[in-house]
PDB file of N, CA and C in Angstrom:
ATOM      1  N   MET A   1       0.859  -0.992  -0.127  1.00  0.00           N
ATOM      2  CA  MET A   1       0.091   0.057  -0.031  1.00  0.00           C
ATOM      3  C   MET A   1       0.881   1.348   0.006  1.00  0.00           C
ATOM      4  N   ALA A   2       0.530   2.178  -0.804  1.00  0.00           N
ATOM      5  CA  ALA A   2       1.360   3.356  -0.945  1.00  0.00           C
ATOM      6  C   ALA A   2       1.128   4.439   0.210  1.00  0.00           C
ATOM      7  N   ARG A   3       2.187   5.087   0.768  1.00  0.00           N
ATOM      8  CA  ARG A   3       2.040   5.965   1.708  1.00  0.00           C
ATOM      9  C   ARG A   3       1.475   7.285   1.202  1.00  0.00           C
ATOM     10  N   PHE A   4       0.548   7.778   1.969  1.00  0.00           N
ATOM     11  CA  PHE A   4      -0.051   9.171   1.563  1.00  0.00           C
ATOM     12  C   PHE A   4       0.628  10.350   2.195  1.00  0.00           C
ATOM     13  N   SER A   5       1.081  11.224   1.457  1.00  0.00           N
ATOM     14  CA  SER A   5       1.947  12.328   1.850  1.00  0.00           C
ATOM     15  C   SER A   5       0.951  13.594   1.996  1.00  0.00           C
ATOM     16  N   TRP A   6       1.065  14.353   3.134  1.00  0.00           N
ATOM     17  CA  TRP A   6       0.360  15.589   3.398  1.00  0.00           C
ATOM     18  C   TRP A   6       0.961  16.789   2.949  1.00  0.00           C
ATOM     19  N   ALA A   7       2.329  16.570   2.583  1.00  0.00           N
ATOM     20  CA  ALA A   7       3.035  17.799   2.202  1.00  0.00           C
ATOM     21  C   ALA A   7       2.504  18.588   1.149  1.00  0.00           C
ATOM     22  N   PRO A   8       2.093  17.909  -0.208  1.00  0.00           N
ATOM     23  CA  PRO A   8       1.739  18.825  -1.249  1.00  0.00           C
ATOM     24  C   PRO A   8       0.412  19.401  -0.850  1.00  0.00           C
ATOM     25  N   PHE A   9      -0.496  18.656  -0.193  1.00  0.00           N
ATOM     26  CA  PHE A   9      -1.624  19.424   0.182  1.00  0.00           C
ATOM     27  C   PHE A   9      -1.393  20.419   1.219  1.00  0.00           C
ATOM     28  N   ALA A  10      -0.501  20.448   2.037  1.00  0.00           N
ATOM     29  CA  ALA A  10      -0.419  21.559   2.954  1.00  0.00           C
ATOM     30  C   ALA A  10       0.311  22.692   2.262  1.00  0.00           C
ATOM     31  N   PHE A  11       1.291  22.500   1.259  1.00  0.00           N
ATOM     32  CA  PHE A  11       1.772  23.332   0.518  1.00  0.00           C
ATOM     33  C   PHE A  11       0.794  24.231  -0.251  1.00  0.00           C
ATOM     34  N   PHE A  12      -0.180  23.514  -0.836  1.00  0.00           N
ATOM     35  CA  PHE A  12      -1.395  24.250  -1.587  1.00  0.00           C
ATOM     36  C   PHE A  12      -2.297  25.099  -0.559  1.00  0.00           C
ATOM     37  N   PHE A  13      -2.417  24.533   0.386  1.00  0.00           N
ATOM     38  CA  PHE A  13      -3.490  25.216   1.408  1.00  0.00           C
ATOM     39  C   PHE A  13      -2.841  26.428   1.789  1.00  0.00           C
ATOM     40  N   VAL A  14      -1.434  26.370   2.249  1.00  0.00           N
ATOM     41  CA  VAL A  14      -0.820  27.655   2.606  1.00  0.00           C
ATOM     42  C   VAL A  14      -0.672  28.494   1.398  1.00  0.00           C
ATOM     43  N   LEU A  15      -0.499  28.142   0.180  1.00  0.00           N
ATOM     44  CA  LEU A  15      -0.325  29.171  -0.966  1.00  0.00           C
ATOM     45  C   LEU A  15      -1.890  29.601  -1.028  1.00  0.00           C
ATOM     46  N   ALA A  16      -2.893  28.964  -0.872  1.00  0.00           N
ATOM     47  CA  ALA A  16      -4.165  29.444  -1.309  1.00  0.00           C
ATOM     48  C   ALA A  16      -4.466  30.508  -0.048  1.00  0.00           C
ATOM     49  N   VAL A  17      -4.287  30.252   1.220  1.00  0.00           N
ATOM     50  CA  VAL A  17      -4.551  31.199   2.267  1.00  0.00           C
ATOM     51  C   VAL A  17      -3.743  32.425   2.145  1.00  0.00           C
ATOM     52  N   PHE A  18      -2.443  32.415   1.771  1.00  0.00           N
ATOM     53  CA  PHE A  18      -1.657  33.462   1.325  1.00  0.00           C
ATOM     54  C   PHE A  18      -2.130  34.341   0.263  1.00  0.00           C
ATOM     55  N   THR A  19      -2.577  33.701  -0.812  1.00  0.00           N
ATOM     56  CA  THR A  19      -3.103  34.420  -1.889  1.00  0.00           C
ATOM     57  C   THR A  19      -4.344  35.162  -1.603  1.00  0.00           C
ATOM     58  N   PHE A  20      -5.321  34.626  -0.734  1.00  0.00           N
ATOM     59  CA  PHE A  20      -6.586  35.136  -0.395  1.00  0.00           C
ATOM     60  C   PHE A  20      -6.189  36.252   0.544  1.00  0.00           C
ATOM     61  N   ALA A  21      -5.197  36.275   1.444  1.00  0.00           N
ATOM     62  CA  ALA A  21      -4.915  37.399   2.285  1.00  0.00           C
ATOM     63  C   ALA A  21      -4.237  38.579   1.459  1.00  0.00           C
ATOM     64  N   ILE A  22      -3.450  38.278   0.373  1.00  0.00           N
ATOM     65  CA  ILE A  22      -2.923  39.391  -0.548  1.00  0.00           C
ATOM     66  C   ILE A  22      -4.127  39.925  -1.254  1.00  0.00           C
ATOM     67  N   GLN A  23      -4.864  39.197  -1.751  1.00  0.00           N
ATOM     68  CA  GLN A  23      -6.218  39.869  -2.399  1.00  0.00           C
ATOM     69  C   GLN A  23      -6.988  40.741  -1.454  1.00  0.00           C
ATOM     70  N   THR A  24      -7.265  40.248  -0.177  1.00  0.00           N
ATOM     71  CA  THR A  24      -8.016  41.008   0.585  1.00  0.00           C
ATOM     72  C   THR A  24      -7.364  42.407   0.953  1.00  0.00           C
ATOM     73  N   VAL A  25      -6.005  42.413   1.117  1.00  0.00           N
ATOM     74  CA  VAL A  25      -5.274  43.506   1.468  1.00  0.00           C
ATOM     75  C   VAL A  25      -5.422  44.629   0.357  1.00  0.00           C
ATOM     76  N   ASN A  26      -5.230  44.086  -0.882  1.00  0.00           N
ATOM     77  CA  ASN A  26      -5.185  44.923  -2.085  1.00  0.00           C
ATOM     78  C   ASN A  26      -6.654  45.488  -2.336  1.00  0.00           C
ATOM     79  N   ALA A  27      -7.737  44.620  -2.115  1.00  0.00           N
ATOM     80  CA  ALA A  27      -9.052  45.057  -2.468  1.00  0.00           C
ATOM     81  C   ALA A  27      -9.504  46.284  -1.778  1.00  0.00           C
ATOM     82  N   GLY A  28      -8.823  46.563  -0.650  1.00  0.00           N
ATOM     83  CA  GLY A  28      -9.382  47.936   0.106  1.00  0.00           C
ATOM     84  C   GLY A  28     -10.679  47.713   0.601  1.00  0.00           C
ATOM     85  N   GLY A  29     -11.520  48.822   0.577  1.00  0.00           N
ATOM     86  CA  GLY A  29     -12.747  48.819   1.065  1.00  0.00           C
ATOM     87  C   GLY A  29     -12.850  49.895   2.101  1.00  0.00           C
ATOM     88  N   GLU A  30     -13.903  50.397   2.537  1.00  0.00           N
ATOM     89  CA  GLU A  30     -14.168  51.489   3.393  1.00  0.00           C
ATOM     90  C   GLU A  30     -13.745  51.190   4.886  1.00  0.00           C
ATOM     91  N   GLY A  31     -12.734  51.831   5.319  1.00  0.00           N
ATOM     92  CA  GLY A  31     -12.086  51.632   6.641  1.00  0.00           C
ATOM     93  C   GLY A  31     -11.337  50.554   6.786  1.00  0.00           C
ATOM     94  N   SER A  32     -10.671  50.055   5.638  1.00  0.00           N
ATOM     95  CA  SER A  32      -9.838  48.853   5.755  1.00  0.00           C
ATOM     96  C   SER A  32      -8.442  49.317   6.001  1.00  0.00           C
ATOM     97  N   LEU A  33      -8.047  50.513   6.069  1.00  0.00           N
ATOM     98  CA  LEU A  33      -6.800  50.880   6.490  1.00  0.00           C
ATOM     99  C   LEU A  33      -6.656  51.624   7.928  1.00  0.00           C
ATOM    100  N   ARG A  34      -5.507  51.550   8.434  1.00  0.00           N
ATOM    101  CA  ARG A  34      -5.157  52.353   9.681  1.00  0.00           C
ATOM    102  C   ARG A  34      -4.626  53.574   9.243  1.00  0.00           C
ATOM    103  N   LEU A  35      -4.545  54.664  10.030  1.00  0.00           N
ATOM    104  CA  LEU A  35      -3.961  55.807   9.850  1.00  0.00           C
ATOM    105  C   LEU A  35      -2.724  55.828   9.429  1.00  0.00           C
ATOM    106  N   GLN A  36      -1.771  54.888  10.136  1.00  0.00           N
ATOM    107  CA  GLN A  36      -0.457  54.921   9.806  1.00  0.00           C
ATOM    108  C   GLN A  36      -0.157  54.207   8.314  1.00  0.00           C
ATOM    109  N   ASP A  37      -1.203  53.401   7.731  1.00  0.00           N
ATOM    110  CA  ASP A  37      -1.072  52.819   6.521  1.00  0.00           C
ATOM    111  C   ASP A  37      -1.362  53.922   5.294  1.00  0.00           C
ATOM    112  N   CYS A  38      -1.894  54.971   5.573  1.00  0.00           N
ATOM    113  CA  CYS A  38      -2.149  56.038   4.426  1.00  0.00           C
ATOM    114  C   CYS A  38      -1.002  56.341   3.671  1.00  0.00           C
ATOM    115  N   PRO A  39       0.228  56.738   4.225  1.00  0.00           N
ATOM    116  CA  PRO A  39       1.160  57.154   3.405  1.00  0.00           C
ATOM    117  C   PRO A  39       1.609  56.139   2.473  1.00  0.00           C
ATOM    118  N   ASN A  40       1.756  54.880   3.009  1.00  0.00           N
ATOM    119  CA  ASN A  40       2.208  53.633   2.053  1.00  0.00           C
ATOM    120  C   ASN A  40       1.363  53.594   1.047  1.00  0.00           C
ATOM    121  N   ALA A  41       0.097  53.649   1.176  1.00  0.00           N
ATOM    122  CA  ALA A  41      -0.982  53.309   0.242  1.00  0.00           C
ATOM    123  C   ALA A  41      -0.886  54.370  -0.731  1.00  0.00           C
ATOM    124  N   CYS A  42      -0.958  55.678  -0.303  1.00  0.00           N
ATOM    125  CA  CYS A  42      -0.724  56.797  -1.221  1.00  0.00           C
ATOM    126  C   CYS A  42       0.380  56.914  -2.102  1.00  0.00           C
ATOM    127  N   ASN A  43       1.453  56.375  -1.630  1.00  0.00           N
ATOM    128  CA  ASN A  43       2.795  56.306  -2.327  1.00  0.00           C
ATOM    129  C   ASN A  43       2.528  55.369  -3.611  1.00  0.00           C
ATOM    130  N   VAL A  44       1.844  54.205  -3.251  1.00  0.00           N
ATOM    131  CA  VAL A  44       1.574  53.346  -4.477  1.00  0.00           C
ATOM    132  C   VAL A  44       0.495  53.872  -5.449  1.00  0.00           C
ATOM    133  N   ARG A  45      -0.493  54.662  -4.903  1.00  0.00           N
ATOM    134  CA  ARG A  45      -1.498  55.090  -5.839  1.00  0.00           C
ATOM    135  C   ARG A  45      -0.961  56.230  -6.719  1.00  0.00           C
ATOM    136  N   CYS A  46       0.086  57.056  -5.991  1.00  0.00           N
ATOM    137  CA  CYS A  46       0.476  58.197  -6.696  1.00  0.00           C
ATOM    138  C   CYS A  46       1.969  58.054  -7.452  1.00  0.00           C
ATOM    139  N   SER A  47       2.276  56.713  -7.516  1.00  0.00           N
ATOM    140  CA  SER A  47       3.695  56.505  -7.991  1.00  0.00           C
ATOM    141  C   SER A  47       4.040  56.670  -9.545  1.00  0.00           C
ATOM    142  N   GLN A  48       2.768  56.558 -10.383  1.00  0.00           N
ATOM    143  CA  GLN A  48       2.929  57.039 -11.808  1.00  0.00           C
ATOM    144  C   GLN A  48       2.368  58.309 -12.289  1.00  0.00           C
ATOM    145  N   THR A  49       2.167  59.146 -11.349  1.00  0.00           N
ATOM    146  CA  THR A  49       1.720  60.496 -11.864  1.00  0.00           C
ATOM    147  C   THR A  49       2.823  61.446 -12.159  1.00  0.00           C
ATOM    148  N   GLN A  50       2.442  62.427 -12.851  1.00  0.00           N
ATOM    149  CA  GLN A  50       3.276  63.558 -13.118  1.00  0.00           C
ATOM    150  C   GLN A  50       3.361  64.556 -12.060  1.00  0.00           C
ATOM    151  N   TYR A  51       2.228  64.701 -11.377  1.00  0.00           N
ATOM    152  CA  TYR A  51       2.012  65.589 -10.193  1.00  0.00           C
ATOM    153  C   TYR A  51       2.105  64.948  -8.900  1.00  0.00           C
ATOM    154  N   LYS A  52       3.220  64.352  -8.516  1.00  0.00           N
ATOM    155  CA  LYS A  52       3.343  63.432  -7.430  1.00  0.00           C
ATOM    156  C   LYS A  52       3.025  64.128  -6.114  1.00  0.00           C
ATOM    157  N   SER A  53       3.615  65.450  -5.921  1.00  0.00           N
ATOM    158  CA  SER A  53       3.391  66.085  -4.534  1.00  0.00           C
ATOM    159  C   SER A  53       1.853  66.538  -4.296  1.00  0.00           C
ATOM    160  N   ALA A  54       1.297  66.803  -5.275  1.00  0.00           N
ATOM    161  CA  ALA A  54      -0.305  67.231  -5.279  1.00  0.00           C
ATOM    162  C   ALA A  54      -0.990  66.142  -5.057  1.00  0.00           C
ATOM    163  N   CYS A  55      -0.576  65.052  -5.732  1.00  0.00           N
ATOM    164  CA  CYS A  55      -1.437  63.793  -5.662  1.00  0.00           C
ATOM    165  C   CYS A  55      -1.241  63.134  -4.217  1.00  0.00           C
ATOM    166  N   LEU A  56      -0.081  63.218  -3.663  1.00  0.00           N
ATOM    167  CA  LEU A  56       0.113  62.695  -2.226  1.00  0.00           C
ATOM    168  C   LEU A  56      -0.477  63.446  -1.283  1.00  0.00           C
ATOM    169  N   GLU A  57      -0.586  64.852  -1.536  1.00  0.00           N
ATOM    170  CA  GLU A  57      -1.158  65.640  -0.530  1.00  0.00           C
ATOM    171  C   GLU A  57      -2.625  65.294  -0.384  1.00  0.00           C
ATOM    172  N   PHE A  58      -3.457  65.346  -1.540  1.00  0.00           N
ATOM    173  CA  PHE A  58      -4.717  64.975  -1.635  1.00  0.00           C
ATOM    174  C   PHE A  58      -5.161  63.592  -1.213  1.00  0.00           C
ATOM    175  N   CYS A  59      -4.419  62.618  -1.678  1.00  0.00           N
ATOM    176  CA  CYS A  59      -4.483  61.108  -1.474  1.00  0.00           C
ATOM    177  C   CYS A  59      -4.510  61.000   0.126  1.00  0.00           C
ATOM    178  N   ASN A  60      -3.417  61.632   0.637  1.00  0.00           N
ATOM    179  CA  ASN A  60      -3.303  61.619   2.203  1.00  0.00           C
ATOM    180  C   ASN A  60      -4.406  62.112   2.930  1.00  0.00           C
ATOM    181  N   TYR A  61      -5.010  63.161   2.395  1.00  0.00           N
ATOM    182  CA  TYR A  61      -6.151  63.968   3.050  1.00  0.00           C
ATOM    183  C   TYR A  61      -7.346  63.003   3.020  1.00  0.00           C
ATOM    184  N   CYS A  62      -7.439  62.525   1.854  1.00  0.00           N
ATOM    185  CA  CYS A  62      -8.633  61.571   1.734  1.00  0.00           C
ATOM    186  C   CYS A  62      -8.666  60.313   2.461  1.00  0.00           C
ATOM    187  N   CYS A  63      -7.411  59.797   2.476  1.00  0.00           N
ATOM    188  CA  CYS A  63      -7.280  58.379   3.190  1.00  0.00           C
ATOM    189  C   CYS A  63      -7.406  58.762   4.553  1.00  0.00           C
ATOM    190  N   LYS A  64      -7.024  59.710   5.080  1.00  0.00           N
ATOM    191  CA  LYS A  64      -7.173  59.983   6.735  1.00  0.00           C
ATOM    192  C   LYS A  64      -8.692  60.312   6.994  1.00  0.00           C
ATOM    193  N   ARG A  65      -9.484  60.715   5.978  1.00  0.00           N
ATOM    194  CA  ARG A  65     -10.882  60.797   6.282  1.00  0.00           C
ATOM    195  C   ARG A  65     -11.703  59.739   6.145  1.00  0.00           C
ATOM    196  N   CYS A  66     -11.382  58.738   5.120  1.00  0.00           N
ATOM    197  CA  CYS A  66     -11.969  57.556   4.869  1.00  0.00           C
ATOM    198  C   CYS A  66     -11.392  56.301   5.184  1.00  0.00           C
ATOM    199  N   LEU A  67     -10.106  56.259   5.429  1.00  0.00           N
ATOM    200  CA  LEU A  67      -9.266  55.159   5.857  1.00  0.00           C
ATOM    201  C   LEU A  67      -9.442  54.078   4.759  1.00  0.00           C
ATOM    202  N   CYS A  68      -9.221  54.559   3.496  1.00  0.00           N
ATOM    203  CA  CYS A  68      -9.403  53.771   2.352  1.00  0.00           C
ATOM    204  C   CYS A  68      -8.623  54.479   1.228  1.00  0.00           C
ATOM    205  N   VAL A  69      -8.009  53.586   0.488  1.00  0.00           N
ATOM    206  CA  VAL A  69      -7.379  54.175  -0.887  1.00  0.00           C
ATOM    207  C   VAL A  69      -7.649  53.162  -1.916  1.00  0.00           C
ATOM    208  N   PRO A  70      -8.280  53.368  -3.003  1.00  0.00           N
ATOM    209  CA  PRO A  70      -8.566  52.446  -4.229  1.00  0.00           C
ATOM    210  C   PRO A  70      -7.381  51.772  -4.674  1.00  0.00           C
ATOM    211  N   SER A  71      -7.350  50.531  -5.048  1.00  0.00           N
ATOM    212  CA  SER A  71      -6.241  49.875  -5.586  1.00  0.00           C
ATOM    213  C   SER A  71      -5.911  50.503  -6.985  1.00  0.00           C
ATOM    214  N   GLY A  72      -4.690  50.087  -7.307  1.00  0.00           N
ATOM    215  CA  GLY A  72      -4.124  50.635  -8.671  1.00  0.00           C
ATOM    216  C   GLY A  72      -3.750  52.018  -8.648  1.00  0.00           C
ATOM    217  N   PHE A  73      -3.399  52.630  -9.738  1.00  0.00           N
ATOM    218  CA  PHE A  73      -2.850  53.886  -9.944  1.00  0.00           C
ATOM    219  C   PHE A  73      -3.876  55.023 -10.283  1.00  0.00           C
ATOM    220  N   TYR A  74      -4.902  54.490 -10.807  1.00  0.00           N
ATOM    221  CA  TYR A  74      -5.929  55.492 -11.306  1.00  0.00           C
ATOM    222  C   TYR A  74      -7.289  54.789 -11.237  1.00  0.00           C
ATOM    223  N   GLY A  75      -8.459  55.522 -11.092  1.00  0.00           N
ATOM    224  CA  GLY A  75      -9.662  54.915 -11.177  1.00  0.00           C
ATOM    225  C   GLY A  75     -10.042  53.893  -9.853  1.00  0.00           C
ATOM    226  N   HIS A  76     -10.938  52.842 -10.096  1.00  0.00           N
ATOM    227  CA  HIS A  76     -11.226  51.882  -8.987  1.00  0.00           C
ATOM    228  C   HIS A  76     -11.830  52.710  -7.768  1.00  0.00           C
ATOM    229  N   THR A  77     -12.492  53.993  -8.056  1.00  0.00           N
ATOM    230  CA  THR A  77     -12.940  54.596  -6.854  1.00  0.00           C
ATOM    231  C   THR A  77     -14.174  54.059  -6.383  1.00  0.00           C
ATOM    232  N   GLY A  78     -14.842  53.176  -7.028  1.00  0.00           N
ATOM    233  CA  GLY A  78     -15.918  52.466  -6.526  1.00  0.00           C
ATOM    234  C   GLY A  78     -15.614  51.744  -5.433  1.00  0.00           C
ATOM    235  N   GLU A  79     -14.252  51.195  -5.248  1.00  0.00           N
ATOM    236  CA  GLU A  79     -14.046  50.457  -4.028  1.00  0.00           C
ATOM    237  C   GLU A  79     -14.124  51.196  -2.664  1.00  0.00           C
ATOM    238  N   CYS A  80     -14.072  52.430  -2.677  1.00  0.00           N
ATOM    239  CA  CYS A  80     -14.182  53.420  -1.662  1.00  0.00           C
ATOM    240  C   CYS A  80     -15.033  54.594  -1.814  1.00  0.00           C
ATOM    241  N   PRO A  81     -16.328  54.267  -1.595  1.00  0.00           N
ATOM    242  CA  PRO A  81     -17.345  55.434  -1.726  1.00  0.00           C
ATOM    243  C   PRO A  81     -17.100  56.693  -1.082  1.00  0.00           C
ATOM    244  N   CYS A  82     -16.519  56.733   0.080  1.00  0.00           N
ATOM    245  CA  CYS A  82     -16.381  58.043   0.859  1.00  0.00           C
ATOM    246  C   CYS A  82     -15.323  58.790   0.092  1.00  0.00           C
ATOM    247  N   TYR A  83     -14.160  57.944  -0.382  1.00  0.00           N
ATOM    248  CA  TYR A  83     -13.070  58.371  -1.047  1.00  0.00           C
ATOM    249  C   TYR A  83     -13.645  59.285  -2.591  1.00  0.00           C
ATOM    250  N   ASP A  84     -14.428  58.524  -3.034  1.00  0.00           N
ATOM    251  CA  ASP A  84     -15.275  58.952  -4.258  1.00  0.00           C
ATOM    252  C   ASP A  84     -16.019  60.096  -4.141  1.00  0.00           C
ATOM    253  N   ASN A  85     -16.460  60.294  -2.939  1.00  0.00           N
ATOM    254  CA  ASN A  85     -17.706  61.307  -2.751  1.00  0.00           C
ATOM    255  C   ASN A  85     -17.045  62.725  -2.158  1.00  0.00           C
ATOM    256  N   ILE A  86     -15.745  62.773  -2.005  1.00  0.00           N
ATOM    257  CA  ILE A  86     -15.148  64.024  -1.593  1.00  0.00           C
ATOM    258  C   ILE A  86     -14.906  64.980  -2.760  1.00  0.00           C
ATOM    259  N   LYS A  87     -15.524  65.932  -2.890  1.00  0.00           N
ATOM    260  CA  LYS A  87     -15.465  66.903  -4.176  1.00  0.00           C
ATOM    261  C   LYS A  87     -14.963  68.183  -3.868  1.00  0.00           C
ATOM    262  N   THR A  88     -14.519  68.838  -4.880  1.00  0.00           N
ATOM    263  CA  THR A  88     -14.034  70.225  -4.861  1.00  0.00           C
ATOM    264  C   THR A  88     -15.189  70.997  -4.876  1.00  0.00           C
ATOM    265  N   LYS A  89     -14.962  72.545  -4.775  1.00  0.00           N
ATOM    266  CA  LYS A  89     -16.099  73.471  -4.785  1.00  0.00           C
ATOM    267  C   LYS A  89     -16.724  73.479  -6.337  1.00  0.00           C
ATOM    268  N   GLU A  90     -16.086  73.103  -7.293  1.00  0.00           N
ATOM    269  CA  GLU A  90     -16.535  72.924  -8.760  1.00  0.00           C
ATOM    270  C   GLU A  90     -17.180  71.653  -8.842  1.00  0.00           C
ATOM    271  N   GLY A  91     -17.059  70.689  -7.968  1.00  0.00           N
ATOM    272  CA  GLY A  91     -17.972  69.460  -8.191  1.00  0.00           C
ATOM    273  C   GLY A  91     -17.057  68.288  -8.714  1.00  0.00           C
ATOM    274  N   LYS A  92     -15.879  68.493  -8.820  1.00  0.00           N
ATOM    275  CA  LYS A  92     -14.938  67.500  -9.433  1.00  0.00           C
ATOM    276  C   LYS A  92     -14.322  66.669  -8.137  1.00  0.00           C
ATOM    277  N   ASN A  93     -13.838  65.396  -8.583  1.00  0.00           N
ATOM    278  CA  ASN A  93     -13.359  64.591  -7.432  1.00  0.00           C
ATOM    279  C   ASN A  93     -11.965  65.265  -6.804  1.00  0.00           C
ATOM    280  N   LYS A  94     -11.896  65.325  -5.470  1.00  0.00           N
ATOM    281  CA  LYS A  94     -10.846  65.790  -4.971  1.00  0.00           C
ATOM    282  C   LYS A  94      -9.648  64.761  -4.804  1.00  0.00           C
ATOM    283  N   CYS A  95     -10.070  63.555  -4.750  1.00  0.00           N
ATOM    284  CA  CYS A  95      -9.138  62.431  -4.480  1.00  0.00           C
ATOM    285  C   CYS A  95      -8.625  61.883  -5.656  1.00  0.00           C
ATOM    286  N   PRO A  96      -7.414  61.550  -5.877  1.00  0.00           N
ATOM    287  CA  PRO A  96      -6.857  61.057  -6.938  1.00  0.00           C
ATOM    288  C   PRO A  96      -7.099  59.582  -7.302  1.00  0.00           C
TER     289      PRO A  96
END
């Protein structure tokens, strides 16, 4: 009778849990961040913009109010409704 090894199953289980944890962190969501997480999340969000200092300023402002930053470099604001609802006097989105 062949011996059954749990090692491959354990490896794939750990891999699946790790993958789910990474997706959950990146998915964001209202209130998913802590205040100290805002600078890092905004650095990622603003890393590909031409106007980095303005982007970081407004992103950090919005993150501190909503405790959320949408994933990616642009768009995806539906992940954070609070982030999406902060507007300028002219009615444009304040948060990058």
